PDB file of N, CA and C in Angstrom:
ATOM      1  N   MET A   1     198.587  -4.309  29.913  1.00  0.00           N
ATOM      2  CA  MET A   1     199.856  -4.897  29.522  1.00  0.00           C
ATOM      3  C   MET A   1     199.605  -6.026  28.524  1.00  0.00           C
ATOM      4  N   SER A   2     200.259  -5.959  27.411  1.00  0.00           N
ATOM      5  CA  SER A   2     200.104  -6.962  26.359  1.00  0.00           C
ATOM      6  C   SER A   2     201.198  -8.024  26.484  1.00  0.00           C
ATOM      7  N   VAL A   3     200.792  -9.286  26.345  1.00  0.00           N
ATOM      8  CA  VAL A   3     201.757 -10.383  26.338  1.00  0.00           C
ATOM      9  C   VAL A   3     201.609 -11.102  25.009  1.00  0.00           C
ATOM     10  N   ALA A   4     202.680 -11.104  24.222  1.00  0.00           N
ATOM     11  CA  ALA A   4     202.618 -11.692  22.883  1.00  0.00           C
ATOM     12  C   ALA A   4     203.832 -12.584  22.648  1.00  0.00           C
ATOM     13  N   PHE A   5     203.652 -13.515  21.729  1.00  0.00           N
ATOM     14  CA  PHE A   5     204.692 -14.481  21.386  1.00  0.00           C
ATOM     15  C   PHE A   5     204.751 -14.628  19.871  1.00  0.00           C
ATOM     16  N   ASP A   6     205.940 -14.850  19.348  1.00  0.00           N
ATOM     17  CA  ASP A   6     206.135 -15.141  17.932  1.00  0.00           C
ATOM     18  C   ASP A   6     206.856 -16.481  17.826  1.00  0.00           C
ATOM     19  N   PHE A   7     206.365 -17.337  16.940  1.00  0.00           N
ATOM     20  CA  PHE A   7     206.989 -18.648  16.762  1.00  0.00           C
ATOM     21  C   PHE A   7     206.614 -19.214  15.399  1.00  0.00           C
ATOM     22  N   GLU A   8     207.340 -20.233  14.988  1.00  0.00           N
ATOM     23  CA  GLU A   8     207.031 -20.982  13.776  1.00  0.00           C
ATOM     24  C   GLU A   8     206.725 -22.414  14.168  1.00  0.00           C
ATOM     25  N   ALA A   9     205.714 -22.995  13.519  1.00  0.00           N
ATOM     26  CA  ALA A   9     205.339 -24.380  13.804  1.00  0.00           C
ATOM     27  C   ALA A   9     204.613 -24.960  12.603  1.00  0.00           C
ATOM     28  N   ALA A  10     204.662 -26.280  12.488  1.00  0.00           N
ATOM     29  CA  ALA A  10     204.008 -26.976  11.377  1.00  0.00           C
ATOM     30  C   ALA A  10     202.516 -27.123  11.641  1.00  0.00           C
ATOM     31  N   LEU A  11     201.739 -26.920  10.605  1.00  0.00           N
ATOM     32  CA  LEU A  11     200.292 -27.124  10.653  1.00  0.00           C
ATOM     33  C   LEU A  11     200.027 -28.618  10.525  1.00  0.00           C
ATOM     34  N   PHE A  12     199.104 -29.137  11.346  1.00  0.00           N
ATOM     35  CA  PHE A  12     198.758 -30.556  11.221  1.00  0.00           C
ATOM     36  C   PHE A  12     197.253 -30.740  11.270  1.00  0.00           C
ATOM     37  N   GLU A  13     196.799 -31.832  10.673  1.00  0.00           N
ATOM     38  CA  GLU A  13     195.373 -32.155  10.654  1.00  0.00           C
ATOM     39  C   GLU A  13     195.071 -33.103  11.801  1.00  0.00           C
ATOM     40  N   TRP A  14     194.030 -32.780  12.567  1.00  0.00           N
ATOM     41  CA  TRP A  14     193.607 -33.612  13.694  1.00  0.00           C
ATOM     42  C   TRP A  14     193.153 -34.960  13.177  1.00  0.00           C
ATOM     43  N   SER A  15     193.438 -36.011  13.898  1.00  0.00           N
ATOM     44  CA  SER A  15     193.132 -37.358  13.421  1.00  0.00           C
ATOM     45  C   SER A  15     191.731 -37.826  13.816  1.00  0.00           C
ATOM     46  N   GLY A  16     190.794 -36.902  13.936  1.00  0.00           N
ATOM     47  CA  GLY A  16     189.416 -37.260  14.264  1.00  0.00           C
ATOM     48  C   GLY A  16     188.540 -37.267  13.027  1.00  0.00           C
ATOM     49  N   ASN A  17     187.231 -37.212  13.247  1.00  0.00           N
ATOM     50  CA  ASN A  17     186.275 -37.252  12.138  1.00  0.00           C
ATOM     51  C   ASN A  17     186.266 -35.968  11.318  1.00  0.00           C
ATOM     52  N   ALA A  18     186.420 -34.827  11.968  1.00  0.00           N
ATOM     53  CA  ALA A  18     186.376 -33.543  11.267  1.00  0.00           C
ATOM     54  C   ALA A  18     187.769 -33.176  10.756  1.00  0.00           C
ATOM     55  N   ALA A  19     187.813 -32.281   9.802  1.00  0.00           N
ATOM     56  CA  ALA A  19     189.091 -31.864   9.210  1.00  0.00           C
ATOM     57  C   ALA A  19     189.640 -30.630   9.930  1.00  0.00           C
ATOM     58  N   TRP A  20     189.782 -30.704  11.244  1.00  0.00           N
ATOM     59  CA  TRP A  20     190.359 -29.611  12.012  1.00  0.00           C
ATOM     60  C   TRP A  20     191.864 -29.567  11.770  1.00  0.00           C
ATOM     61  N   HIS A  21     192.384 -28.354  11.655  1.00  0.00           N
ATOM     62  CA  HIS A  21     193.822 -28.150  11.509  1.00  0.00           C
ATOM     63  C   HIS A  21     194.316 -27.306  12.682  1.00  0.00           C
ATOM     64  N   PHE A  22     195.490 -27.651  13.185  1.00  0.00           N
ATOM     65  CA  PHE A  22     196.049 -26.979  14.351  1.00  0.00           C
ATOM     66  C   PHE A  22     197.531 -26.702  14.160  1.00  0.00           C
ATOM     67  N   VAL A  23     198.028 -25.788  14.977  1.00  0.00           N
ATOM     68  CA  VAL A  23     199.449 -25.555  15.175  1.00  0.00           C
ATOM     69  C   VAL A  23     199.692 -25.780  16.661  1.00  0.00           C
ATOM     70  N   ALA A  24     200.718 -26.539  17.008  1.00  0.00           N
ATOM     71  CA  ALA A  24     201.077 -26.746  18.414  1.00  0.00           C
ATOM     72  C   ALA A  24     201.956 -25.584  18.869  1.00  0.00           C
ATOM     73  N   VAL A  25     201.542 -24.936  19.944  1.00  0.00           N
ATOM     74  CA  VAL A  25     202.338 -23.856  20.523  1.00  0.00           C
ATOM     75  C   VAL A  25     203.541 -24.507  21.221  1.00  0.00           C
ATOM     76  N   PRO A  26     204.766 -24.069  20.931  1.00  0.00           N
ATOM     77  CA  PRO A  26     205.948 -24.698  21.533  1.00  0.00           C
ATOM     78  C   PRO A  26     205.850 -24.767  23.063  1.00  0.00           C
ATOM     79  N   GLU A  27     206.446 -25.809  23.626  1.00  0.00           N
ATOM     80  CA  GLU A  27     206.324 -26.079  25.062  1.00  0.00           C
ATOM     81  C   GLU A  27     206.738 -24.909  25.956  1.00  0.00           C
ATOM     82  N   PRO A  28     207.873 -24.238  25.715  1.00  0.00           N
ATOM     83  CA  PRO A  28     208.231 -23.118  26.602  1.00  0.00           C
ATOM     84  C   PRO A  28     207.185 -21.999  26.574  1.00  0.00           C
ATOM     85  N   ILE A  29     206.622 -21.733  25.407  1.00  0.00           N
ATOM     86  CA  ILE A  29     205.582 -20.706  25.296  1.00  0.00           C
ATOM     87  C   ILE A  29     204.302 -21.199  25.955  1.00  0.00           C
ATOM     88  N   SER A  30     203.956 -22.461  25.757  1.00  0.00           N
ATOM     89  CA  SER A  30     202.771 -23.035  26.407  1.00  0.00           C
ATOM     90  C   SER A  30     202.884 -22.935  27.923  1.00  0.00           C
ATOM     91  N   ASP A  31     204.076 -23.209  28.456  1.00  0.00           N
ATOM     92  CA  ASP A  31     204.291 -23.110  29.905  1.00  0.00           C
ATOM     93  C   ASP A  31     204.069 -21.683  30.393  1.00  0.00           C
ATOM     94  N   GLU A  32     204.559 -20.709  29.638  1.00  0.00           N
ATOM     95  CA  GLU A  32     204.383 -19.310  30.036  1.00  0.00           C
ATOM     96  C   GLU A  32     202.920 -18.895  29.926  1.00  0.00           C
ATOM     97  N   ILE A  33     202.225 -19.359  28.887  1.00  0.00           N
ATOM     98  CA  ILE A  33     200.795 -19.061  28.759  1.00  0.00           C
ATOM     99  C   ILE A  33     200.043 -19.598  29.972  1.00  0.00           C
ATOM    100  N   ALA A  34     200.325 -20.832  30.354  1.00  0.00           N
ATOM    101  CA  ALA A  34     199.645 -21.435  31.512  1.00  0.00           C
ATOM    102  C   ALA A  34     199.895 -20.618  32.778  1.00  0.00           C
ATOM    103  N   ALA A  35     201.126 -20.180  32.977  1.00  0.00           N
ATOM    104  CA  ALA A  35     201.460 -19.406  34.173  1.00  0.00           C
ATOM    105  C   ALA A  35     200.781 -18.042  34.171  1.00  0.00           C
ATOM    106  N   ARG A  36     200.738 -17.402  33.021  1.00  0.00           N
ATOM    107  CA  ARG A  36     200.193 -16.046  32.939  1.00  0.00           C
ATOM    108  C   ARG A  36     198.669 -15.989  32.875  1.00  0.00           C
ATOM    109  N   THR A  37     198.025 -17.116  32.603  1.00  0.00           N
ATOM    110  CA  THR A  37     196.563 -17.092  32.452  1.00  0.00           C
ATOM    111  C   THR A  37     195.844 -17.877  33.540  1.00  0.00           C
ATOM    112  N   GLU A  38     196.556 -18.266  34.576  1.00  0.00           N
ATOM    113  CA  GLU A  38     195.920 -18.989  35.673  1.00  0.00           C
ATOM    114  C   GLU A  38     194.742 -18.161  36.195  1.00  0.00           C
ATOM    115  N   GLY A  39     193.561 -18.781  36.234  1.00  0.00           N
ATOM    116  CA  GLY A  39     192.355 -18.088  36.672  1.00  0.00           C
ATOM    117  C   GLY A  39     191.592 -17.401  35.556  1.00  0.00           C
ATOM    118  N   PHE A  40     192.154 -17.367  34.344  1.00  0.00           N
ATOM    119  CA  PHE A  40     191.497 -16.725  33.209  1.00  0.00           C
ATOM    120  C   PHE A  40     191.070 -17.719  32.133  1.00  0.00           C
ATOM    121  N   THR A  41     191.189 -19.008  32.410  1.00  0.00           N
ATOM    122  CA  THR A  41     190.822 -19.998  31.401  1.00  0.00           C
ATOM    123  C   THR A  41     189.309 -20.149  31.332  1.00  0.00           C
ATOM    124  N   THR A  42     188.836 -20.624  30.180  1.00  0.00           N
ATOM    125  CA  THR A  42     187.410 -20.857  29.973  1.00  0.00           C
ATOM    126  C   THR A  42     187.193 -22.356  29.773  1.00  0.00           C
ATOM    127  N   GLY A  43     186.110 -22.726  29.109  1.00  0.00           N
ATOM    128  CA  GLY A  43     185.779 -24.133  28.926  1.00  0.00           C
ATOM    129  C   GLY A  43     186.932 -24.961  28.390  1.00  0.00           C
ATOM    130  N   PHE A  44     187.103 -26.152  28.921  1.00  0.00           N
ATOM    131  CA  PHE A  44     188.153 -27.097  28.523  1.00  0.00           C
ATOM    132  C   PHE A  44     189.555 -26.564  28.801  1.00  0.00           C
ATOM    133  N   GLY A  45     189.673 -25.530  29.644  1.00  0.00           N
ATOM    134  CA  GLY A  45     190.981 -24.953  29.951  1.00  0.00           C
ATOM    135  C   GLY A  45     191.506 -24.045  28.856  1.00  0.00           C
ATOM    136  N   SER A  46     190.622 -23.628  27.943  1.00  0.00           N
ATOM    137  CA  SER A  46     191.059 -22.802  26.816  1.00  0.00           C
ATOM    138  C   SER A  46     191.418 -21.392  27.269  1.00  0.00           C
ATOM    139  N   VAL A  47     192.235 -20.738  26.456  1.00  0.00           N
ATOM    140  CA  VAL A  47     192.714 -19.387  26.727  1.00  0.00           C
ATOM    141  C   VAL A  47     192.404 -18.531  25.505  1.00  0.00           C
ATOM    142  N   ARG A  48     191.753 -17.385  25.737  1.00  0.00           N
ATOM    143  CA  ARG A  48     191.416 -16.485  24.624  1.00  0.00           C
ATOM    144  C   ARG A  48     192.661 -15.751  24.126  1.00  0.00           C
ATOM    145  N   VAL A  49     192.801 -15.711  22.791  1.00  0.00           N
ATOM    146  CA  VAL A  49     193.970 -15.093  22.167  1.00  0.00           C
ATOM    147  C   VAL A  49     193.570 -14.326  20.911  1.00  0.00           C
ATOM    148  N   ARG A  50     194.477 -13.437  20.480  1.00  0.00           N
ATOM    149  CA  ARG A  50     194.408 -12.819  19.154  1.00  0.00           C
ATOM    150  C   ARG A  50     195.616 -13.354  18.403  1.00  0.00           C
ATOM    151  N   VAL A  51     195.395 -13.683  17.132  1.00  0.00           N
ATOM    152  CA  VAL A  51     196.429 -14.358  16.355  1.00  0.00           C
ATOM    153  C   VAL A  51     196.617 -13.663  15.014  1.00  0.00           C
ATOM    154  N   ARG A  52     197.863 -13.690  14.532  1.00  0.00           N
ATOM    155  CA  ARG A  52     198.145 -13.253  13.162  1.00  0.00           C
ATOM    156  C   ARG A  52     199.048 -14.294  12.524  1.00  0.00           C
ATOM    157  N   ILE A  53     198.628 -14.771  11.374  1.00  0.00           N
ATOM    158  CA  ILE A  53     199.465 -15.602  10.511  1.00  0.00           C
ATOM    159  C   ILE A  53     199.487 -14.886   9.171  1.00  0.00           C
ATOM    160  N   GLY A  54     200.667 -14.500   8.730  1.00  0.00           N
ATOM    161  CA  GLY A  54     200.757 -13.715   7.500  1.00  0.00           C
ATOM    162  C   GLY A  54     200.037 -12.391   7.698  1.00  0.00           C
ATOM    163  N   SER A  55     199.111 -12.073   6.801  1.00  0.00           N
ATOM    164  CA  SER A  55     198.344 -10.832   6.923  1.00  0.00           C
ATOM    165  C   SER A  55     196.952 -11.069   7.498  1.00  0.00           C
ATOM    166  N   THR A  56     196.673 -12.288   7.936  1.00  0.00           N
ATOM    167  CA  THR A  56     195.352 -12.629   8.464  1.00  0.00           C
ATOM    168  C   THR A  56     195.368 -12.594   9.987  1.00  0.00           C
ATOM    169  N   GLU A  57     194.445 -11.812  10.565  1.00  0.00           N
ATOM    170  CA  GLU A  57     194.315 -11.705  12.015  1.00  0.00           C
ATOM    171  C   GLU A  57     192.932 -12.158  12.431  1.00  0.00           C
ATOM    172  N   TRP A  58     192.839 -12.806  13.607  1.00  0.00           N
ATOM    173  CA  TRP A  58     191.536 -13.212  14.123  1.00  0.00           C
ATOM    174  C   TRP A  58     191.627 -13.484  15.619  1.00  0.00           C
ATOM    175  N   ALA A  59     190.460 -13.542  16.258  1.00  0.00           N
ATOM    176  CA  ALA A  59     190.362 -13.891  17.676  1.00  0.00           C
ATOM    177  C   ALA A  59     189.906 -15.338  17.770  1.00  0.00           C
ATOM    178  N   THR A  60     190.515 -16.084  18.680  1.00  0.00           N
ATOM    179  CA  THR A  60     190.167 -17.486  18.876  1.00  0.00           C
ATOM    180  C   THR A  60     190.614 -17.884  20.278  1.00  0.00           C
ATOM    181  N   SER A  61     190.728 -19.150  20.526  1.00  0.00           N
ATOM    182  CA  SER A  61     191.251 -19.671  21.788  1.00  0.00           C
ATOM    183  C   SER A  61     192.263 -20.758  21.486  1.00  0.00           C
ATOM    184  N   VAL A  62     193.213 -20.934  22.393  1.00  0.00           N
ATOM    185  CA  VAL A  62     194.110 -22.084  22.335  1.00  0.00           C
ATOM    186  C   VAL A  62     193.637 -23.071  23.396  1.00  0.00           C
ATOM    187  N   PHE A  63     193.850 -24.356  23.124  1.00  0.00           N
ATOM    188  CA  PHE A  63     193.335 -25.419  23.976  1.00  0.00           C
ATOM    189  C   PHE A  63     194.480 -26.298  24.460  1.00  0.00           C
ATOM    190  N   PRO A  64     194.494 -26.641  25.759  1.00  0.00           N
ATOM    191  CA  PRO A  64     195.566 -27.502  26.260  1.00  0.00           C
ATOM    192  C   PRO A  64     195.425 -28.920  25.715  1.00  0.00           C
ATOM    193  N   ASP A  65     196.557 -29.503  25.341  1.00  0.00           N
ATOM    194  CA  ASP A  65     196.593 -30.884  24.857  1.00  0.00           C
ATOM    195  C   ASP A  65     197.312 -31.728  25.904  1.00  0.00           C
ATOM    196  N   SER A  66     196.571 -32.620  26.547  1.00  0.00           N
ATOM    197  CA  SER A  66     197.152 -33.412  27.635  1.00  0.00           C
ATOM    198  C   SER A  66     198.238 -34.370  27.146  1.00  0.00           C
ATOM    199  N   LYS A  67     198.203 -34.751  25.883  1.00  0.00           N
ATOM    200  CA  LYS A  67     199.207 -35.689  25.359  1.00  0.00           C
ATOM    201  C   LYS A  67     200.580 -35.042  25.212  1.00  0.00           C
ATOM    202  N   THR A  68     200.599 -33.791  24.757  1.00  0.00           N
ATOM    203  CA  THR A  68     201.878 -33.128  24.493  1.00  0.00           C
ATOM    204  C   THR A  68     202.271 -32.127  25.569  1.00  0.00           C
ATOM    205  N   GLY A  69     201.304 -31.681  26.365  1.00  0.00           N
ATOM    206  CA  GLY A  69     201.578 -30.645  27.352  1.00  0.00           C
ATOM    207  C   GLY A  69     201.644 -29.260  26.746  1.00  0.00           C
ATOM    208  N   CYS A  70     201.265 -29.142  25.480  1.00  0.00           N
ATOM    209  CA  CYS A  70     201.278 -27.863  24.776  1.00  0.00           C
ATOM    210  C   CYS A  70     199.855 -27.400  24.501  1.00  0.00           C
ATOM    211  N   TYR A  71     199.722 -26.116  24.214  1.00  0.00           N
ATOM    212  CA  TYR A  71     198.437 -25.607  23.743  1.00  0.00           C
ATOM    213  C   TYR A  71     198.348 -25.833  22.241  1.00  0.00           C
ATOM    214  N   LEU A  72     197.131 -26.052  21.759  1.00  0.00           N
ATOM    215  CA  LEU A  72     196.877 -26.197  20.331  1.00  0.00           C
ATOM    216  C   LEU A  72     196.090 -24.993  19.841  1.00  0.00           C
ATOM    217  N   LEU A  73     196.531 -24.442  18.720  1.00  0.00           N
ATOM    218  CA  LEU A  73     195.889 -23.301  18.087  1.00  0.00           C
ATOM    219  C   LEU A  73     195.131 -23.786  16.862  1.00  0.00           C
ATOM    220  N   PRO A  74     193.787 -23.689  16.867  1.00  0.00           N
ATOM    221  CA  PRO A  74     193.039 -24.082  15.675  1.00  0.00           C
ATOM    222  C   PRO A  74     193.229 -23.043  14.568  1.00  0.00           C
ATOM    223  N   VAL A  75     193.435 -23.523  13.344  1.00  0.00           N
ATOM    224  CA  VAL A  75     193.610 -22.633  12.194  1.00  0.00           C
ATOM    225  C   VAL A  75     192.483 -22.940  11.220  1.00  0.00           C
ATOM    226  N   LYS A  76     191.508 -22.025  11.155  1.00  0.00           N
ATOM    227  CA  LYS A  76     190.312 -22.281  10.353  1.00  0.00           C
ATOM    228  C   LYS A  76     190.609 -22.237   8.855  1.00  0.00           C
ATOM    229  N   LYS A  77     189.691 -22.824   8.108  1.00  0.00           N
ATOM    230  CA  LYS A  77     189.857 -22.975   6.663  1.00  0.00           C
ATOM    231  C   LYS A  77     190.102 -21.643   5.964  1.00  0.00           C
ATOM    232  N   ALA A  78     189.368 -20.598   6.348  1.00  0.00           N
ATOM    233  CA  ALA A  78     189.532 -19.292   5.698  1.00  0.00           C
ATOM    234  C   ALA A  78     190.963 -18.777   5.850  1.00  0.00           C
ATOM    235  N   VAL A  79     191.568 -18.999   7.009  1.00  0.00           N
ATOM    236  CA  VAL A  79     192.953 -18.571   7.243  1.00  0.00           C
ATOM    237  C   VAL A  79     193.906 -19.411   6.402  1.00  0.00           C
ATOM    238  N   ARG A  80     193.704 -20.725   6.409  1.00  0.00           N
ATOM    239  CA  ARG A  80     194.575 -21.608   5.622  1.00  0.00           C
ATOM    240  C   ARG A  80     194.532 -21.235   4.145  1.00  0.00           C
ATOM    241  N   GLN A  81     193.332 -20.966   3.637  1.00  0.00           N
ATOM    242  CA  GLN A  81     193.209 -20.598   2.222  1.00  0.00           C
ATOM    243  C   GLN A  81     193.858 -19.252   1.943  1.00  0.00           C
ATOM    244  N   ALA A  82     193.606 -18.267   2.804  1.00  0.00           N
ATOM    245  CA  ALA A  82     194.159 -16.925   2.592  1.00  0.00           C
ATOM    246  C   ALA A  82     195.682 -16.922   2.623  1.00  0.00           C
ATOM    247  N   GLU A  83     196.266 -17.792   3.440  1.00  0.00           N
ATOM    248  CA  GLU A  83     197.723 -17.812   3.616  1.00  0.00           C
ATOM    249  C   GLU A  83     198.405 -18.959   2.875  1.00  0.00           C
ATOM    250  N   GLY A  84     197.638 -19.739   2.107  1.00  0.00           N
ATOM    251  CA  GLY A  84     198.208 -20.826   1.319  1.00  0.00           C
ATOM    252  C   GLY A  84     198.808 -21.939   2.161  1.00  0.00           C
ATOM    253  N   LEU A  85     198.169 -22.264   3.280  1.00  0.00           N
ATOM    254  CA  LEU A  85     198.688 -23.287   4.191  1.00  0.00           C
ATOM    255  C   LEU A  85     197.954 -24.608   4.023  1.00  0.00           C
ATOM    256  N   THR A  86     198.692 -25.693   4.104  1.00  0.00           N
ATOM    257  CA  THR A  86     198.128 -27.041   4.109  1.00  0.00           C
ATOM    258  C   THR A  86     198.820 -27.820   5.227  1.00  0.00           C
ATOM    259  N   ALA A  87     198.297 -28.989   5.545  1.00  0.00           N
ATOM    260  CA  ALA A  87     198.934 -29.821   6.568  1.00  0.00           C
ATOM    261  C   ALA A  87     200.400 -30.034   6.192  1.00  0.00           C
ATOM    262  N   GLY A  88     201.286 -29.808   7.140  1.00  0.00           N
ATOM    263  CA  GLY A  88     202.719 -29.926   6.902  1.00  0.00           C
ATOM    264  C   GLY A  88     203.404 -28.599   6.627  1.00  0.00           C
ATOM    265  N   SER A  89     202.626 -27.570   6.257  1.00  0.00           N
ATOM    266  CA  SER A  89     203.200 -26.239   6.032  1.00  0.00           C
ATOM    267  C   SER A  89     203.681 -25.645   7.348  1.00  0.00           C
ATOM    268  N   THR A  90     204.725 -24.839   7.277  1.00  0.00           N
ATOM    269  CA  THR A  90     205.184 -24.114   8.458  1.00  0.00           C
ATOM    270  C   THR A  90     204.508 -22.758   8.494  1.00  0.00           C
ATOM    271  N   ALA A  91     203.904 -22.460   9.639  1.00  0.00           N
ATOM    272  CA  ALA A  91     203.229 -21.172   9.822  1.00  0.00           C
ATOM    273  C   ALA A  91     204.053 -20.307  10.763  1.00  0.00           C
ATOM    274  N   ARG A  92     204.184 -19.042  10.425  1.00  0.00           N
ATOM    275  CA  ARG A  92     204.807 -18.057  11.315  1.00  0.00           C
ATOM    276  C   ARG A  92     203.657 -17.392  12.069  1.00  0.00           C
ATOM    277  N   VAL A  93     203.636 -17.576  13.383  1.00  0.00           N
ATOM    278  CA  VAL A  93     202.490 -17.194  14.208  1.00  0.00           C
ATOM    279  C   VAL A  93     202.855 -16.059  15.162  1.00  0.00           C
ATOM    280  N   HIS A  94     201.982 -15.056  15.229  1.00  0.00           N
ATOM    281  CA  HIS A  94     202.044 -14.024  16.267  1.00  0.00           C
ATOM    282  C   HIS A  94     200.806 -14.243  17.119  1.00  0.00           C
ATOM    283  N   LEU A  95     200.988 -14.526  18.402  1.00  0.00           N
ATOM    284  CA  LEU A  95     199.893 -14.865  19.306  1.00  0.00           C
ATOM    285  C   LEU A  95     199.925 -13.921  20.497  1.00  0.00           C
ATOM    286  N   GLU A  96     198.797 -13.270  20.767  1.00  0.00           N
ATOM    287  CA  GLU A  96     198.693 -12.328  21.882  1.00  0.00           C
ATOM    288  C   GLU A  96     197.614 -12.802  22.842  1.00  0.00           C
ATOM    289  N   LEU A  97     197.927 -12.841  24.123  1.00  0.00           N
ATOM    290  CA  LEU A  97     196.959 -13.255  25.131  1.00  0.00           C
ATOM    291  C   LEU A  97     195.919 -12.163  25.337  1.00  0.00           C
ATOM    292  N   ALA A  98     194.636 -12.559  25.390  1.00  0.00           N
ATOM    293  CA  ALA A  98     193.559 -11.593  25.576  1.00  0.00           C
ATOM    294  C   ALA A  98     193.443 -11.167  27.039  1.00  0.00           C
ATOM    295  N   GLU A  99     193.717 -12.085  27.965  1.00  0.00           N
ATOM    296  CA  GLU A  99     193.646 -11.781  29.397  1.00  0.00           C
ATOM    297  C   GLU A  99     194.847 -12.421  30.077  1.00  0.00           C
ATOM    298  N   VAL A 100     195.511 -11.657  30.937  1.00  0.00           N
ATOM    299  CA  VAL A 100     196.703 -12.184  31.601  1.00  0.00           C
ATOM    300  C   VAL A 100     196.735 -11.801  33.069  1.00  0.00           C
ATOM    301  N   ARG A 101     197.486 -12.592  33.815  1.00  0.00           N
ATOM    302  CA  ARG A 101     197.771 -12.279  35.219  1.00  0.00           C
ATOM    303  C   ARG A 101     198.969 -11.330  35.215  1.00  0.00           C
ATOM    304  N   THR A 102     198.853 -10.228  35.923  1.00  0.00           N
ATOM    305  CA  THR A 102     199.951  -9.258  35.957  1.00  0.00           C
ATOM    306  C   THR A 102     200.822  -9.439  37.169  1.00  0.00           C
TER     307      THR A 102
END
């Protein structure tokens, strides 16, 4: 059984030393991800996902953010370049959970 979500969110740059860019998964979707992946999380509470932004697809993980209560989706440089995204751009995201509780 596949569990997937579609949403739009702004890309932002992490305020740390590295130039990591993320999209925050909206809270209602983050809540459903947490419920459906209980027992399937990996290091740091991350959840394995498949993602598509534009025509670019890849496998990665989303990570829980204790400050916002949402999951954060890292968007690597190759994806940002291929899709013409910069910090502040709105990304249309298709996110599919790799492992779920049925």
